[in-house]
Amino acid sequence: MAGIHGSDDCCDVLLTGTERASLAEQALSAEAQARRDAMPRLLAMGLNTQQVAEALSLSVEEVRQHSQS
């Protein structure tokens, strides 16, 4: 069966609203995890909490809370 663009491409899949929302949620979760993972590395490189917060678009309080755990 031909896909949306006339090919038998496996990537011509339409997602439901729920599936799109789930993928968006997963992407946001992965992004948040990447920011948490970056905090200790940036602090170890000598950046202060204000600099880390600015670099990762976080609040200073979020960086402080994470660095204390």
C-alpha atoms as a PDB file:
ATOM      1  CA  MET A   1       0.000   0.000   0.000  1.00  0.00           C
ATOM      2  CA  ALA A   2       1.368   3.423  -0.878  1.00  0.00           C
ATOM      3  CA  GLY A   3       2.077   5.875   1.906  1.00  0.00           C
ATOM      4  CA  ILE A   4       1.098   9.523   2.154  1.00  0.00           C
ATOM      5  CA  HIS A   5       3.689  10.598  -0.405  1.00  0.00           C
ATOM      6  CA  GLY A   6       3.038   7.732  -2.797  1.00  0.00           C
ATOM      7  CA  SER A   7       5.765   5.429  -1.511  1.00  0.00           C
ATOM      8  CA  ASP A   8       5.809   2.332   0.645  1.00  0.00           C
ATOM      9  CA  ASP A   9       7.841   4.193   3.238  1.00  0.00           C
ATOM     10  CA  CYS A  10       7.635   2.906   6.811  1.00  0.00           C
ATOM     11  CA  CYS A  11       7.927   6.478   8.122  1.00  0.00           C
ATOM     12  CA  ASP A  12       4.538   7.565   6.731  1.00  0.00           C
ATOM     13  CA  VAL A  13       2.780   6.880  10.020  1.00  0.00           C
ATOM     14  CA  LEU A  14       0.214   9.197  11.499  1.00  0.00           C
ATOM     15  CA  LEU A  15       0.235   9.498  15.269  1.00  0.00           C
ATOM     16  CA  THR A  16      -2.805   9.983  17.425  1.00  0.00           C
ATOM     17  CA  GLY A  17      -2.982  12.938  19.770  1.00  0.00           C
ATOM     18  CA  THR A  18      -2.243  10.658  22.705  1.00  0.00           C
ATOM     19  CA  GLU A  19       0.817   9.214  20.971  1.00  0.00           C
ATOM     20  CA  ARG A  20       2.106  12.697  20.114  1.00  0.00           C
ATOM     21  CA  ALA A  21       1.585  13.817  23.720  1.00  0.00           C
ATOM     22  CA  SER A  22       3.429  10.750  24.980  1.00  0.00           C
ATOM     23  CA  LEU A  23       6.374  11.384  22.665  1.00  0.00           C
ATOM     24  CA  ALA A  24       6.502  15.044  23.711  1.00  0.00           C
ATOM     25  CA  GLU A  25       6.467  14.020  27.377  1.00  0.00           C
ATOM     26  CA  GLN A  26       9.295  11.545  26.786  1.00  0.00           C
ATOM     27  CA  ALA A  27      11.348  14.224  25.012  1.00  0.00           C
ATOM     28  CA  LEU A  28      10.850  16.679  27.878  1.00  0.00           C
ATOM     29  CA  SER A  29      11.791  14.021  30.398  1.00  0.00           C
ATOM     30  CA  ALA A  30      14.961  13.183  28.473  1.00  0.00           C
ATOM     31  CA  GLU A  31      15.848  16.873  28.268  1.00  0.00           C
ATOM     32  CA  ALA A  32      15.341  17.336  32.014  1.00  0.00           C
ATOM     33  CA  GLN A  33      17.525  14.282  32.709  1.00  0.00           C
ATOM     34  CA  ALA A  34      20.267  15.640  30.461  1.00  0.00           C
ATOM     35  CA  ARG A  35      20.229  18.912  32.396  1.00  0.00           C
ATOM     36  CA  ARG A  36      20.437  17.055  35.715  1.00  0.00           C
ATOM     37  CA  ASP A  37      23.336  14.985  34.367  1.00  0.00           C
ATOM     38  CA  ALA A  38      25.170  18.132  33.225  1.00  0.00           C
ATOM     39  CA  MET A  39      24.974  19.923  36.591  1.00  0.00           C
ATOM     40  CA  PRO A  40      27.723  18.008  38.453  1.00  0.00           C
ATOM     41  CA  ARG A  41      30.035  18.149  35.430  1.00  0.00           C
ATOM     42  CA  LEU A  42      29.655  21.916  35.124  1.00  0.00           C
ATOM     43  CA  LEU A  43      30.131  22.420  38.862  1.00  0.00           C
ATOM     44  CA  ALA A  44      33.243  20.199  38.757  1.00  0.00           C
ATOM     45  CA  MET A  45      34.605  22.373  35.952  1.00  0.00           C
ATOM     46  CA  GLY A  46      34.492  25.311  38.341  1.00  0.00           C
ATOM     47  CA  LEU A  47      31.275  27.049  37.339  1.00  0.00           C
ATOM     48  CA  ASN A  48      29.312  28.490  40.226  1.00  0.00           C
ATOM     49  CA  THR A  49      25.617  27.770  40.774  1.00  0.00           C
ATOM     50  CA  GLN A  50      24.544  30.995  39.045  1.00  0.00           C
ATOM     51  CA  GLN A  51      26.576  30.139  35.937  1.00  0.00           C
ATOM     52  CA  VAL A  52      25.265  26.573  35.841  1.00  0.00           C
ATOM     53  CA  ALA A  53      21.693  27.815  36.227  1.00  0.00           C
ATOM     54  CA  GLU A  54      22.141  30.258  33.352  1.00  0.00           C
ATOM     55  CA  ALA A  55      23.854  27.686  31.128  1.00  0.00           C
ATOM     56  CA  LEU A  56      21.074  25.138  31.653  1.00  0.00           C
ATOM     57  CA  SER A  57      18.129  27.569  31.795  1.00  0.00           C
ATOM     58  CA  LEU A  58      17.340  26.547  35.358  1.00  0.00           C
ATOM     59  CA  SER A  59      16.765  28.483  38.540  1.00  0.00           C
ATOM     60  CA  VAL A  60      19.635  28.869  40.989  1.00  0.00           C
ATOM     61  CA  GLU A  61      17.466  27.055  43.553  1.00  0.00           C
ATOM     62  CA  GLU A  62      17.128  24.003  41.260  1.00  0.00           C
ATOM     63  CA  VAL A  63      20.910  23.822  40.893  1.00  0.00           C
ATOM     64  CA  ARG A  64      21.419  24.222  44.638  1.00  0.00           C
ATOM     65  CA  GLN A  65      18.890  21.490  45.440  1.00  0.00           C
ATOM     66  CA  HIS A  66      20.498  19.085  43.001  1.00  0.00           C
ATOM     67  CA  SER A  67      24.049  19.819  44.135  1.00  0.00           C
ATOM     68  CA  GLN A  68      23.086  19.098  47.761  1.00  0.00           C
ATOM     69  CA  SER A  69      21.595  15.684  46.990  1.00  0.00           C
END
